N, C-alpha and C. Protein backbone atom coordinates (compact mmCIF):
# COMPACT_ATOMS: atom_id res chain seq x y z
N MET A 1 -6.34 24.27 9.41
CA MET A 1 -5.15 24.80 10.05
C MET A 1 -4.62 23.81 11.07
N ILE A 2 -3.32 23.79 11.23
CA ILE A 2 -2.68 23.04 12.30
C ILE A 2 -1.64 23.97 12.92
N LEU A 3 -1.55 23.97 14.24
CA LEU A 3 -0.65 24.93 14.87
C LEU A 3 0.09 24.31 16.04
N ALA A 4 1.19 24.96 16.42
CA ALA A 4 2.00 24.54 17.56
C ALA A 4 2.03 25.67 18.57
N LEU A 5 1.91 25.30 19.86
CA LEU A 5 1.93 26.27 20.95
C LEU A 5 3.16 26.05 21.82
N ASP A 6 3.68 27.11 22.39
CA ASP A 6 4.73 27.00 23.39
C ASP A 6 4.12 26.43 24.67
N LYS A 7 4.62 25.29 25.15
CA LYS A 7 4.00 24.62 26.29
C LYS A 7 4.09 25.44 27.57
N ASN A 8 5.05 26.37 27.65
CA ASN A 8 5.23 27.17 28.86
C ASN A 8 4.38 28.43 28.88
N THR A 9 4.14 29.01 27.70
CA THR A 9 3.44 30.29 27.65
C THR A 9 2.09 30.23 26.94
N GLY A 10 1.88 29.20 26.12
CA GLY A 10 0.66 29.12 25.34
C GLY A 10 0.69 29.95 24.07
N LYS A 11 1.80 30.63 23.80
CA LYS A 11 1.89 31.44 22.60
C LYS A 11 2.03 30.56 21.36
N VAL A 12 1.47 31.03 20.26
CA VAL A 12 1.54 30.29 19.00
C VAL A 12 2.96 30.36 18.45
N ARG A 13 3.56 29.18 18.24
CA ARG A 13 4.91 29.11 17.66
C ARG A 13 4.85 29.13 16.14
N TRP A 14 3.91 28.39 15.59
CA TRP A 14 3.71 28.41 14.14
C TRP A 14 2.31 27.93 13.79
N GLU A 15 1.87 28.30 12.60
CA GLU A 15 0.60 27.83 12.05
C GLU A 15 0.89 27.17 10.70
N GLY A 16 0.47 25.90 10.58
CA GLY A 16 0.64 25.19 9.32
C GLY A 16 -0.66 25.16 8.54
N LYS A 17 -0.57 25.08 7.24
CA LYS A 17 -1.75 25.08 6.38
C LYS A 17 -2.02 23.69 5.84
N ARG A 18 -3.27 23.27 5.96
CA ARG A 18 -3.68 21.98 5.40
C ARG A 18 -4.13 22.13 3.95
N GLY A 19 -4.13 23.32 3.41
CA GLY A 19 -4.65 23.52 2.07
C GLY A 19 -6.17 23.51 2.09
N LEU A 20 -6.77 22.90 1.10
CA LEU A 20 -8.23 22.90 0.98
C LEU A 20 -8.86 21.67 1.61
N SER A 21 -8.13 20.96 2.46
CA SER A 21 -8.65 19.72 3.04
C SER A 21 -9.88 19.98 3.90
N ARG A 22 -10.79 19.00 3.92
CA ARG A 22 -12.06 19.16 4.61
C ARG A 22 -11.91 18.89 6.11
N ILE A 23 -13.03 19.01 6.81
CA ILE A 23 -13.05 19.00 8.27
C ILE A 23 -12.62 17.65 8.86
N ALA A 24 -11.98 17.72 10.03
CA ALA A 24 -11.58 16.52 10.76
C ALA A 24 -11.55 16.84 12.25
N HIS A 25 -11.65 15.80 13.07
CA HIS A 25 -11.67 15.96 14.52
C HIS A 25 -10.64 15.02 15.14
N VAL A 26 -9.41 15.11 14.74
CA VAL A 26 -8.41 14.11 15.11
C VAL A 26 -7.28 14.72 15.92
N SER A 27 -6.58 13.86 16.65
CA SER A 27 -5.36 14.26 17.36
C SER A 27 -4.15 13.87 16.51
N PRO A 28 -3.15 14.74 16.38
CA PRO A 28 -1.96 14.41 15.60
C PRO A 28 -1.05 13.44 16.35
N GLN A 29 -0.11 12.86 15.63
CA GLN A 29 0.87 11.95 16.21
C GLN A 29 2.26 12.33 15.73
N ILE A 30 3.27 12.04 16.55
CA ILE A 30 4.66 12.24 16.15
C ILE A 30 5.24 10.90 15.70
N LEU A 31 5.91 10.90 14.56
CA LEU A 31 6.53 9.70 14.01
C LEU A 31 7.93 10.06 13.54
N SER A 32 8.91 9.22 13.89
CA SER A 32 10.27 9.43 13.43
C SER A 32 10.43 8.84 12.03
N VAL A 33 10.84 9.68 11.09
CA VAL A 33 11.03 9.26 9.70
C VAL A 33 12.48 9.54 9.32
N ASN A 34 13.24 8.47 9.09
CA ASN A 34 14.67 8.60 8.75
C ASN A 34 15.42 9.44 9.78
N GLY A 35 15.10 9.20 11.05
CA GLY A 35 15.80 9.88 12.13
C GLY A 35 15.29 11.27 12.46
N LYS A 36 14.27 11.74 11.75
CA LYS A 36 13.71 13.06 12.02
C LYS A 36 12.22 12.95 12.34
N ASP A 37 11.78 13.71 13.35
CA ASP A 37 10.38 13.67 13.73
C ASP A 37 9.50 14.37 12.69
N GLN A 38 8.32 13.79 12.48
CA GLN A 38 7.29 14.44 11.68
C GLN A 38 5.99 14.44 12.47
N LEU A 39 5.20 15.48 12.28
CA LEU A 39 3.88 15.58 12.88
C LEU A 39 2.87 15.07 11.87
N ILE A 40 2.18 13.99 12.20
CA ILE A 40 1.25 13.36 11.27
C ILE A 40 -0.17 13.77 11.63
N SER A 41 -0.90 14.28 10.65
CA SER A 41 -2.27 14.73 10.88
C SER A 41 -3.15 14.27 9.73
N SER A 42 -4.36 13.83 10.08
CA SER A 42 -5.32 13.37 9.08
C SER A 42 -6.45 14.40 8.98
N ALA A 43 -6.77 14.81 7.77
CA ALA A 43 -7.87 15.74 7.54
C ALA A 43 -8.97 15.02 6.77
N GLY A 44 -10.02 15.76 6.38
CA GLY A 44 -11.17 15.13 5.76
C GLY A 44 -10.88 14.43 4.45
N ASP A 45 -9.90 14.91 3.72
CA ASP A 45 -9.59 14.27 2.44
C ASP A 45 -8.10 14.12 2.21
N ALA A 46 -7.30 14.19 3.29
CA ALA A 46 -5.85 14.08 3.12
C ALA A 46 -5.20 13.65 4.43
N ILE A 47 -4.11 12.90 4.29
CA ILE A 47 -3.22 12.58 5.41
C ILE A 47 -1.93 13.34 5.12
N GLN A 48 -1.40 14.05 6.11
CA GLN A 48 -0.27 14.93 5.83
C GLN A 48 0.80 14.82 6.90
N GLY A 49 2.04 15.04 6.49
CA GLY A 49 3.17 15.09 7.41
C GLY A 49 3.75 16.49 7.45
N PHE A 50 3.99 17.00 8.66
CA PHE A 50 4.50 18.36 8.84
C PHE A 50 5.80 18.33 9.64
N GLY A 51 6.65 19.32 9.42
CA GLY A 51 7.83 19.50 10.26
C GLY A 51 7.40 20.07 11.60
N PRO A 52 7.66 19.38 12.72
CA PRO A 52 7.15 19.84 14.02
C PRO A 52 7.78 21.14 14.51
N ASP A 53 8.92 21.53 13.97
CA ASP A 53 9.58 22.77 14.41
C ASP A 53 9.12 23.99 13.63
N THR A 54 8.67 23.77 12.40
CA THR A 54 8.35 24.91 11.53
C THR A 54 6.92 24.92 11.00
N GLY A 55 6.26 23.75 10.98
CA GLY A 55 4.94 23.66 10.38
C GLY A 55 4.96 23.46 8.88
N GLU A 56 6.14 23.27 8.31
CA GLU A 56 6.23 23.02 6.87
C GLU A 56 5.53 21.72 6.51
N ARG A 57 4.66 21.77 5.50
CA ARG A 57 4.00 20.55 5.04
C ARG A 57 4.97 19.80 4.14
N ILE A 58 5.31 18.56 4.54
CA ILE A 58 6.33 17.79 3.84
C ILE A 58 5.71 16.90 2.76
N TRP A 59 4.63 16.22 3.11
CA TRP A 59 4.02 15.30 2.15
C TRP A 59 2.51 15.23 2.37
N THR A 60 1.82 14.73 1.36
CA THR A 60 0.36 14.59 1.40
C THR A 60 -0.03 13.29 0.71
N VAL A 61 -1.01 12.59 1.31
CA VAL A 61 -1.66 11.45 0.65
C VAL A 61 -3.16 11.73 0.67
N SER A 62 -3.81 11.64 -0.47
CA SER A 62 -5.25 11.88 -0.51
C SER A 62 -5.98 10.77 0.22
N SER A 63 -7.16 11.10 0.74
CA SER A 63 -7.93 10.14 1.52
C SER A 63 -9.40 10.33 1.22
N PRO A 64 -10.18 9.24 1.11
CA PRO A 64 -11.62 9.38 0.91
C PRO A 64 -12.29 9.75 2.22
N GLY A 65 -13.56 10.07 2.17
CA GLY A 65 -14.31 10.30 3.40
C GLY A 65 -14.52 11.77 3.70
N GLU A 66 -15.20 12.02 4.82
CA GLU A 66 -15.56 13.37 5.26
C GLU A 66 -15.78 13.35 6.75
N GLY A 67 -15.49 14.44 7.44
CA GLY A 67 -15.73 14.51 8.88
C GLY A 67 -14.96 13.45 9.64
N VAL A 68 -13.65 13.37 9.41
CA VAL A 68 -12.85 12.30 10.01
C VAL A 68 -12.78 12.47 11.53
N VAL A 69 -13.09 11.39 12.26
CA VAL A 69 -13.04 11.38 13.72
C VAL A 69 -11.89 10.52 14.25
N PRO A 70 -11.66 9.30 13.72
CA PRO A 70 -10.57 8.47 14.26
C PRO A 70 -9.21 9.13 14.09
N SER A 71 -8.43 9.15 15.16
CA SER A 71 -7.08 9.69 15.09
C SER A 71 -6.14 8.69 14.42
N VAL A 72 -5.05 9.20 13.84
CA VAL A 72 -4.09 8.31 13.19
C VAL A 72 -3.35 7.49 14.24
N VAL A 73 -2.90 6.32 13.82
CA VAL A 73 -2.12 5.41 14.66
C VAL A 73 -0.85 5.08 13.89
N VAL A 74 0.27 4.98 14.57
CA VAL A 74 1.53 4.72 13.87
C VAL A 74 2.22 3.47 14.44
N GLY A 75 2.99 2.80 13.58
CA GLY A 75 3.75 1.62 13.99
C GLY A 75 4.39 0.96 12.79
N GLU A 76 5.57 0.37 12.97
CA GLU A 76 6.29 -0.33 11.91
C GLU A 76 6.58 0.58 10.72
N GLY A 77 6.73 1.89 10.95
CA GLY A 77 6.97 2.81 9.86
C GLY A 77 5.73 3.07 9.02
N LEU A 78 4.57 2.67 9.52
CA LEU A 78 3.31 2.84 8.80
C LEU A 78 2.40 3.79 9.57
N ILE A 79 1.50 4.43 8.83
CA ILE A 79 0.52 5.34 9.40
C ILE A 79 -0.85 4.76 9.08
N PHE A 80 -1.61 4.42 10.12
CA PHE A 80 -2.91 3.77 9.95
C PHE A 80 -4.01 4.81 10.13
N THR A 81 -4.87 4.96 9.12
CA THR A 81 -5.93 5.95 9.18
C THR A 81 -7.27 5.32 8.82
N ALA A 82 -8.32 5.87 9.39
CA ALA A 82 -9.69 5.51 9.01
C ALA A 82 -10.38 6.81 8.61
N SER A 83 -11.07 6.80 7.48
CA SER A 83 -11.48 8.05 6.85
C SER A 83 -12.83 8.58 7.29
N GLY A 84 -13.39 8.05 8.37
CA GLY A 84 -14.60 8.65 8.92
C GLY A 84 -15.83 8.41 8.08
N PHE A 85 -16.65 9.45 7.95
CA PHE A 85 -17.92 9.33 7.26
C PHE A 85 -17.74 9.51 5.75
N GLY A 86 -18.81 9.29 5.01
CA GLY A 86 -18.70 9.37 3.55
C GLY A 86 -18.17 8.06 3.00
N ALA A 87 -17.16 8.14 2.15
CA ALA A 87 -16.56 6.95 1.55
C ALA A 87 -15.57 6.34 2.53
N SER A 88 -16.09 5.63 3.52
CA SER A 88 -15.25 5.13 4.62
C SER A 88 -14.25 4.09 4.12
N ALA A 89 -13.03 4.20 4.61
CA ALA A 89 -11.99 3.24 4.26
C ALA A 89 -10.86 3.31 5.27
N ILE A 90 -10.17 2.20 5.41
CA ILE A 90 -8.90 2.18 6.14
C ILE A 90 -7.80 2.36 5.10
N ARG A 91 -6.97 3.36 5.29
CA ARG A 91 -5.86 3.60 4.36
C ARG A 91 -4.57 3.63 5.16
N VAL A 92 -3.61 2.82 4.75
CA VAL A 92 -2.35 2.70 5.47
C VAL A 92 -1.23 3.25 4.59
N VAL A 93 -0.47 4.17 5.16
CA VAL A 93 0.51 4.94 4.39
C VAL A 93 1.92 4.64 4.90
N ARG A 94 2.85 4.44 3.98
CA ARG A 94 4.26 4.33 4.34
C ARG A 94 4.82 5.72 4.61
N ALA A 95 5.52 5.89 5.71
CA ALA A 95 6.09 7.19 6.04
C ALA A 95 7.20 7.55 5.06
N GLY A 96 7.39 8.85 4.86
CA GLY A 96 8.47 9.32 4.00
C GLY A 96 7.97 9.95 2.73
N GLY A 97 8.91 10.44 1.93
CA GLY A 97 8.58 11.08 0.68
C GLY A 97 8.36 12.57 0.83
N LYS A 98 8.17 13.24 -0.33
CA LYS A 98 7.90 14.67 -0.35
C LYS A 98 6.84 14.97 -1.40
N GLY A 99 6.02 15.98 -1.11
CA GLY A 99 4.97 16.36 -2.04
C GLY A 99 3.80 15.39 -1.97
N ASP A 100 3.06 15.27 -3.06
CA ASP A 100 1.92 14.35 -3.13
C ASP A 100 2.44 12.95 -3.42
N VAL A 101 2.36 12.07 -2.42
CA VAL A 101 2.90 10.71 -2.57
C VAL A 101 1.78 9.66 -2.61
N THR A 102 0.58 10.09 -3.00
CA THR A 102 -0.56 9.18 -3.04
C THR A 102 -0.29 7.97 -3.93
N ALA A 103 0.36 8.18 -5.04
CA ALA A 103 0.59 7.10 -6.01
C ALA A 103 1.65 6.11 -5.56
N THR A 104 2.48 6.48 -4.61
CA THR A 104 3.65 5.65 -4.28
C THR A 104 3.70 5.14 -2.84
N HIS A 105 2.95 5.76 -1.92
CA HIS A 105 3.16 5.47 -0.50
C HIS A 105 1.96 4.84 0.21
N ILE A 106 0.97 4.36 -0.53
CA ILE A 106 -0.12 3.63 0.11
C ILE A 106 0.29 2.16 0.22
N ALA A 107 0.43 1.67 1.45
CA ALA A 107 0.86 0.29 1.68
C ALA A 107 -0.28 -0.69 1.44
N TRP A 108 -1.44 -0.40 1.97
CA TRP A 108 -2.64 -1.19 1.71
C TRP A 108 -3.86 -0.41 2.16
N GLU A 109 -5.02 -0.82 1.70
CA GLU A 109 -6.26 -0.17 2.12
C GLU A 109 -7.42 -1.15 2.04
N SER A 110 -8.48 -0.83 2.76
CA SER A 110 -9.65 -1.71 2.81
C SER A 110 -10.89 -0.88 3.08
N ALA A 111 -11.97 -1.19 2.38
CA ALA A 111 -13.26 -0.53 2.61
C ALA A 111 -14.14 -1.34 3.55
N ASP A 112 -13.65 -2.45 4.05
CA ASP A 112 -14.45 -3.32 4.93
C ASP A 112 -14.27 -2.92 6.39
N ASP A 113 -15.39 -2.71 7.07
CA ASP A 113 -15.39 -2.48 8.53
C ASP A 113 -14.49 -1.32 8.93
N ALA A 114 -14.56 -0.22 8.21
CA ALA A 114 -13.78 0.96 8.59
C ALA A 114 -14.51 1.72 9.70
N PRO A 115 -13.88 1.95 10.84
CA PRO A 115 -14.56 2.66 11.92
C PRO A 115 -14.75 4.14 11.57
N LYS A 116 -15.91 4.68 11.93
CA LYS A 116 -16.19 6.09 11.67
C LYS A 116 -15.88 6.96 12.88
N ILE A 117 -15.93 6.39 14.09
CA ILE A 117 -15.70 7.19 15.31
C ILE A 117 -14.52 6.66 16.12
N PRO A 118 -14.51 5.39 16.55
CA PRO A 118 -13.38 4.92 17.37
C PRO A 118 -12.06 4.90 16.59
N SER A 119 -10.99 5.32 17.24
CA SER A 119 -9.66 5.17 16.64
C SER A 119 -9.23 3.71 16.71
N MET A 120 -8.32 3.33 15.85
CA MET A 120 -7.80 1.97 15.85
C MET A 120 -6.67 1.85 16.88
N LEU A 121 -6.22 0.63 17.11
CA LEU A 121 -5.19 0.36 18.12
C LEU A 121 -4.12 -0.53 17.50
N TYR A 122 -2.86 -0.10 17.57
CA TYR A 122 -1.75 -0.90 17.08
C TYR A 122 -1.01 -1.52 18.26
N VAL A 123 -0.93 -2.85 18.26
CA VAL A 123 -0.11 -3.59 19.22
C VAL A 123 0.65 -4.62 18.38
N LYS A 124 1.93 -4.39 18.19
CA LYS A 124 2.74 -5.18 17.27
C LYS A 124 2.51 -6.68 17.45
N PRO A 125 2.24 -7.39 16.34
CA PRO A 125 2.21 -6.97 14.94
C PRO A 125 0.80 -6.75 14.40
N TYR A 126 -0.16 -6.46 15.28
CA TYR A 126 -1.56 -6.44 14.88
C TYR A 126 -2.17 -5.05 14.99
N LEU A 127 -3.23 -4.86 14.21
CA LEU A 127 -4.05 -3.65 14.26
C LEU A 127 -5.45 -4.08 14.69
N TYR A 128 -5.94 -3.50 15.77
CA TYR A 128 -7.26 -3.83 16.30
C TYR A 128 -8.21 -2.67 16.05
N LEU A 129 -9.49 -3.00 15.83
CA LEU A 129 -10.48 -1.95 15.64
C LEU A 129 -11.85 -2.44 16.08
N VAL A 130 -12.75 -1.48 16.30
CA VAL A 130 -14.15 -1.80 16.51
C VAL A 130 -14.96 -0.73 15.79
N THR A 131 -16.01 -1.15 15.10
CA THR A 131 -16.87 -0.20 14.41
C THR A 131 -18.00 0.24 15.34
N GLU A 132 -18.72 1.27 14.93
CA GLU A 132 -19.85 1.74 15.72
C GLU A 132 -20.89 0.64 15.89
N ALA A 133 -20.99 -0.25 14.91
CA ALA A 133 -21.96 -1.34 14.94
C ALA A 133 -21.43 -2.59 15.64
N ALA A 134 -20.33 -2.45 16.39
CA ALA A 134 -19.82 -3.50 17.28
C ALA A 134 -19.10 -4.64 16.58
N VAL A 135 -18.61 -4.41 15.36
CA VAL A 135 -17.75 -5.40 14.72
C VAL A 135 -16.31 -5.16 15.18
N ALA A 136 -15.76 -6.13 15.89
CA ALA A 136 -14.36 -6.05 16.34
C ALA A 136 -13.51 -6.86 15.38
N LYS A 137 -12.30 -6.37 15.13
CA LYS A 137 -11.48 -6.99 14.11
C LYS A 137 -10.01 -6.90 14.49
N CYS A 138 -9.26 -7.93 14.13
CA CYS A 138 -7.81 -7.94 14.29
C CYS A 138 -7.20 -8.17 12.91
N LEU A 139 -6.31 -7.28 12.50
CA LEU A 139 -5.66 -7.37 11.20
C LEU A 139 -4.15 -7.48 11.39
N LYS A 140 -3.49 -8.13 10.46
CA LYS A 140 -2.03 -8.07 10.43
C LYS A 140 -1.66 -6.67 9.96
N ALA A 141 -0.95 -5.93 10.79
CA ALA A 141 -0.74 -4.50 10.52
C ALA A 141 0.01 -4.25 9.21
N SER A 142 0.94 -5.09 8.88
CA SER A 142 1.79 -4.84 7.70
C SER A 142 1.09 -5.10 6.38
N THR A 143 0.05 -5.94 6.39
CA THR A 143 -0.58 -6.34 5.12
C THR A 143 -2.09 -6.12 5.06
N GLY A 144 -2.75 -6.00 6.21
CA GLY A 144 -4.21 -5.90 6.24
C GLY A 144 -4.92 -7.24 6.28
N GLU A 145 -4.16 -8.32 6.32
CA GLU A 145 -4.78 -9.66 6.40
C GLU A 145 -5.67 -9.75 7.64
N VAL A 146 -6.89 -10.26 7.45
CA VAL A 146 -7.82 -10.40 8.57
C VAL A 146 -7.43 -11.62 9.40
N ILE A 147 -7.15 -11.40 10.68
CA ILE A 147 -6.80 -12.49 11.59
C ILE A 147 -8.05 -13.04 12.25
N TRP A 148 -8.91 -12.15 12.73
CA TRP A 148 -10.23 -12.57 13.22
C TRP A 148 -11.22 -11.41 13.12
N ARG A 149 -12.50 -11.75 13.08
CA ARG A 149 -13.58 -10.77 13.01
C ARG A 149 -14.74 -11.29 13.85
N GLU A 150 -15.16 -10.51 14.84
CA GLU A 150 -16.20 -10.95 15.77
C GLU A 150 -17.17 -9.79 16.06
N ARG A 151 -18.39 -10.15 16.45
CA ARG A 151 -19.37 -9.14 16.87
C ARG A 151 -19.44 -9.11 18.40
N LEU A 152 -19.37 -7.89 18.96
CA LEU A 152 -19.37 -7.74 20.41
C LEU A 152 -20.76 -7.41 20.96
N GLY A 153 -21.64 -6.85 20.14
CA GLY A 153 -22.96 -6.45 20.59
C GLY A 153 -22.98 -5.00 21.05
N GLY A 154 -24.10 -4.32 20.79
CA GLY A 154 -24.24 -2.93 21.21
C GLY A 154 -23.73 -1.96 20.17
N ARG A 155 -23.40 -0.75 20.64
CA ARG A 155 -22.83 0.31 19.81
C ARG A 155 -21.55 0.82 20.46
N PHE A 156 -20.66 1.38 19.65
CA PHE A 156 -19.36 1.81 20.18
C PHE A 156 -18.99 3.20 19.68
N SER A 157 -18.54 4.03 20.63
CA SER A 157 -17.92 5.32 20.32
C SER A 157 -16.49 5.37 20.83
N ALA A 158 -16.22 4.69 21.95
CA ALA A 158 -14.89 4.69 22.57
C ALA A 158 -13.91 3.86 21.76
N SER A 159 -12.66 4.28 21.78
CA SER A 159 -11.60 3.54 21.10
C SER A 159 -11.09 2.40 21.98
N PRO A 160 -10.66 1.29 21.38
CA PRO A 160 -10.06 0.22 22.18
C PRO A 160 -8.72 0.67 22.75
N VAL A 161 -8.38 0.13 23.92
CA VAL A 161 -7.10 0.45 24.56
C VAL A 161 -6.42 -0.85 24.99
N TRP A 162 -5.11 -0.76 25.21
CA TRP A 162 -4.31 -1.93 25.60
C TRP A 162 -3.69 -1.70 26.96
N ALA A 163 -3.62 -2.77 27.76
CA ALA A 163 -2.87 -2.74 29.02
C ALA A 163 -2.58 -4.17 29.45
N ASP A 164 -1.34 -4.43 29.83
CA ASP A 164 -0.95 -5.70 30.45
C ASP A 164 -1.36 -6.91 29.60
N GLY A 165 -1.16 -6.82 28.30
CA GLY A 165 -1.46 -7.95 27.43
C GLY A 165 -2.93 -8.15 27.12
N LYS A 166 -3.75 -7.15 27.42
CA LYS A 166 -5.19 -7.26 27.20
C LYS A 166 -5.70 -6.08 26.39
N ILE A 167 -6.75 -6.33 25.59
CA ILE A 167 -7.41 -5.29 24.82
C ILE A 167 -8.77 -5.03 25.46
N TYR A 168 -9.07 -3.75 25.68
CA TYR A 168 -10.33 -3.36 26.33
C TYR A 168 -11.23 -2.65 25.32
N PHE A 169 -12.44 -3.18 25.14
CA PHE A 169 -13.46 -2.56 24.30
C PHE A 169 -14.60 -2.10 25.22
N LEU A 170 -14.97 -0.83 25.16
CA LEU A 170 -16.02 -0.28 26.03
C LEU A 170 -17.18 0.21 25.17
N SER A 171 -18.36 -0.39 25.36
CA SER A 171 -19.51 -0.04 24.53
C SER A 171 -20.22 1.21 25.07
N ASP A 172 -21.11 1.76 24.24
CA ASP A 172 -21.87 2.95 24.65
C ASP A 172 -22.74 2.69 25.87
N LYS A 173 -23.10 1.44 26.11
CA LYS A 173 -23.92 1.09 27.28
C LYS A 173 -23.07 0.78 28.51
N GLY A 174 -21.76 0.98 28.40
CA GLY A 174 -20.90 0.76 29.56
C GLY A 174 -20.52 -0.68 29.80
N ILE A 175 -20.57 -1.50 28.76
CA ILE A 175 -20.16 -2.90 28.88
C ILE A 175 -18.73 -3.02 28.35
N ALA A 176 -17.82 -3.44 29.21
CA ALA A 176 -16.42 -3.60 28.84
C ALA A 176 -16.15 -5.06 28.50
N THR A 177 -15.68 -5.31 27.29
CA THR A 177 -15.27 -6.64 26.87
C THR A 177 -13.75 -6.66 26.83
N ILE A 178 -13.16 -7.55 27.61
CA ILE A 178 -11.70 -7.64 27.71
C ILE A 178 -11.25 -8.91 27.02
N ILE A 179 -10.35 -8.78 26.06
CA ILE A 179 -9.85 -9.95 25.33
C ILE A 179 -8.33 -10.02 25.47
N ALA A 180 -7.80 -11.20 25.22
CA ALA A 180 -6.34 -11.38 25.19
C ALA A 180 -5.81 -10.83 23.87
N GLU A 181 -4.67 -10.15 23.92
CA GLU A 181 -4.06 -9.70 22.67
C GLU A 181 -3.55 -10.91 21.90
N GLY A 182 -3.50 -10.79 20.58
CA GLY A 182 -2.95 -11.88 19.80
C GLY A 182 -3.88 -12.38 18.72
N ALA A 183 -3.47 -13.48 18.09
CA ALA A 183 -4.15 -13.99 16.91
C ALA A 183 -5.42 -14.78 17.22
N GLU A 184 -5.66 -15.09 18.48
CA GLU A 184 -6.87 -15.82 18.85
C GLU A 184 -7.83 -14.89 19.57
N PHE A 185 -9.10 -14.90 19.14
CA PHE A 185 -10.12 -14.11 19.82
C PHE A 185 -10.54 -14.85 21.08
N LYS A 186 -10.10 -14.36 22.22
CA LYS A 186 -10.37 -15.01 23.49
C LYS A 186 -10.87 -13.98 24.50
N VAL A 187 -12.16 -14.08 24.85
CA VAL A 187 -12.75 -13.15 25.82
C VAL A 187 -12.34 -13.58 27.22
N LEU A 188 -11.71 -12.67 27.95
CA LEU A 188 -11.26 -12.95 29.31
C LEU A 188 -12.28 -12.54 30.35
N ALA A 189 -13.03 -11.49 30.06
CA ALA A 189 -14.01 -11.00 31.04
C ALA A 189 -14.97 -10.03 30.36
N LYS A 190 -16.14 -9.87 30.98
CA LYS A 190 -17.09 -8.83 30.60
C LYS A 190 -17.57 -8.16 31.88
N ASN A 191 -17.51 -6.83 31.91
CA ASN A 191 -17.93 -6.08 33.08
C ASN A 191 -18.91 -4.99 32.66
N GLU A 192 -19.93 -4.75 33.49
CA GLU A 192 -20.96 -3.79 33.14
C GLU A 192 -21.01 -2.66 34.16
N LEU A 193 -21.00 -1.42 33.66
CA LEU A 193 -21.16 -0.24 34.52
C LEU A 193 -22.61 0.23 34.56
N ASN A 194 -23.40 -0.21 33.57
CA ASN A 194 -24.81 0.20 33.48
C ASN A 194 -24.96 1.71 33.39
N GLU A 195 -24.04 2.35 32.69
CA GLU A 195 -24.10 3.78 32.43
C GLU A 195 -23.64 4.03 31.00
N THR A 196 -24.12 5.11 30.42
CA THR A 196 -23.67 5.47 29.09
C THR A 196 -22.21 5.89 29.12
N CYS A 197 -21.40 5.29 28.25
CA CYS A 197 -19.96 5.57 28.18
C CYS A 197 -19.57 5.76 26.72
N LYS A 198 -19.17 6.97 26.38
CA LYS A 198 -18.75 7.24 25.01
C LYS A 198 -17.31 7.73 24.90
N ALA A 199 -16.70 8.05 26.05
CA ALA A 199 -15.29 8.47 26.04
C ALA A 199 -14.39 7.25 26.11
N SER A 200 -13.23 7.34 25.48
CA SER A 200 -12.27 6.24 25.52
C SER A 200 -11.65 6.12 26.90
N PRO A 201 -11.43 4.90 27.40
CA PRO A 201 -10.76 4.72 28.69
C PRO A 201 -9.32 5.25 28.62
N ALA A 202 -8.80 5.64 29.77
CA ALA A 202 -7.40 6.05 29.89
C ALA A 202 -6.73 5.15 30.92
N ILE A 203 -5.46 4.83 30.71
CA ILE A 203 -4.75 3.89 31.58
C ILE A 203 -3.49 4.55 32.11
N SER A 204 -3.29 4.48 33.43
CA SER A 204 -2.10 5.08 34.04
C SER A 204 -1.81 4.40 35.36
N GLN A 205 -0.55 4.02 35.58
CA GLN A 205 -0.07 3.48 36.85
C GLN A 205 -0.92 2.30 37.34
N GLY A 206 -1.27 1.43 36.42
CA GLY A 206 -2.01 0.23 36.77
C GLY A 206 -3.49 0.44 36.99
N ASN A 207 -4.00 1.63 36.70
CA ASN A 207 -5.42 1.93 36.86
C ASN A 207 -6.07 2.22 35.51
N ILE A 208 -7.36 1.93 35.42
CA ILE A 208 -8.14 2.27 34.24
C ILE A 208 -9.13 3.36 34.65
N PHE A 209 -9.12 4.45 33.91
CA PHE A 209 -10.03 5.56 34.19
C PHE A 209 -11.12 5.58 33.12
N ILE A 210 -12.37 5.56 33.55
CA ILE A 210 -13.51 5.53 32.64
C ILE A 210 -14.44 6.68 32.99
N ARG A 211 -14.74 7.51 32.00
CA ARG A 211 -15.71 8.60 32.21
C ARG A 211 -17.04 8.19 31.60
N SER A 212 -18.05 8.08 32.45
CA SER A 212 -19.39 7.78 31.99
C SER A 212 -20.16 9.09 31.82
N GLU A 213 -21.44 8.98 31.55
CA GLU A 213 -22.26 10.17 31.38
C GLU A 213 -22.35 10.98 32.67
N LYS A 214 -22.24 10.29 33.83
CA LYS A 214 -22.45 10.97 35.11
C LYS A 214 -21.28 10.84 36.08
N ASN A 215 -20.37 9.92 35.85
CA ASN A 215 -19.33 9.65 36.83
C ASN A 215 -17.97 9.46 36.17
N LEU A 216 -16.93 9.60 37.00
CA LEU A 216 -15.57 9.25 36.60
C LEU A 216 -15.10 8.11 37.50
N TYR A 217 -14.73 6.99 36.89
CA TYR A 217 -14.33 5.80 37.64
C TYR A 217 -12.82 5.59 37.53
N CYS A 218 -12.21 5.17 38.62
CA CYS A 218 -10.84 4.69 38.63
C CYS A 218 -10.89 3.24 39.08
N ILE A 219 -10.49 2.33 38.20
CA ILE A 219 -10.59 0.90 38.48
C ILE A 219 -9.18 0.32 38.55
N GLY A 220 -8.87 -0.32 39.67
CA GLY A 220 -7.55 -0.91 39.85
C GLY A 220 -7.49 -1.64 41.17
N GLN A 221 -6.36 -2.20 41.48
CA GLN A 221 -6.19 -2.91 42.74
C GLN A 221 -6.00 -1.91 43.88
N SER A 222 -6.60 -2.22 45.02
CA SER A 222 -6.44 -1.35 46.19
C SER A 222 -5.00 -1.41 46.69
N ARG A 223 -4.52 -0.30 47.23
CA ARG A 223 -3.13 -0.23 47.68
C ARG A 223 -3.08 0.19 49.15
């Protein structure tokens, strides 16, 4: 099920049906398709587009995998998905169409280094990812071409985030690896919190917020 709530009252505005799709733990995204917004949601075996005002299911693309955790990422009119556990794969879908568009709207896909937990990160024109086993990767978003592939060390649950031209990778052991965005893998800094960190960092007003197992940190310049 997918549903919409009234932000002022909390009342259910509509409930959309995913059909027989299997379990997923993802956040939906809004994408403009031909001037109209669509709500994009990934389920255990399908990626689907819904009308945000009515919950009408507009299109479906089948997807391998089970227990999907990574949330969808959008950019350049494309929808980037990672299919979680089971038959893990990165599947990239062109927005648009109606009904089952599996045969016509898959832009590219790859079974190599598909993250099972961290969501991917789109920063034009690249797609960044890190797997649970610490393989970090930069791909050309439009084609899937591998730009670079490096090992960071440790294990990862948190998703990479972007701020001020930098990509932040935070490991389960609380080690943050900061790299420059772009086609060259260039480590700018490494910082250690020495605490378990599995939540993705959040960035707001020049600050980075990190939730560890025991603490909440706000990191930024003093004012």
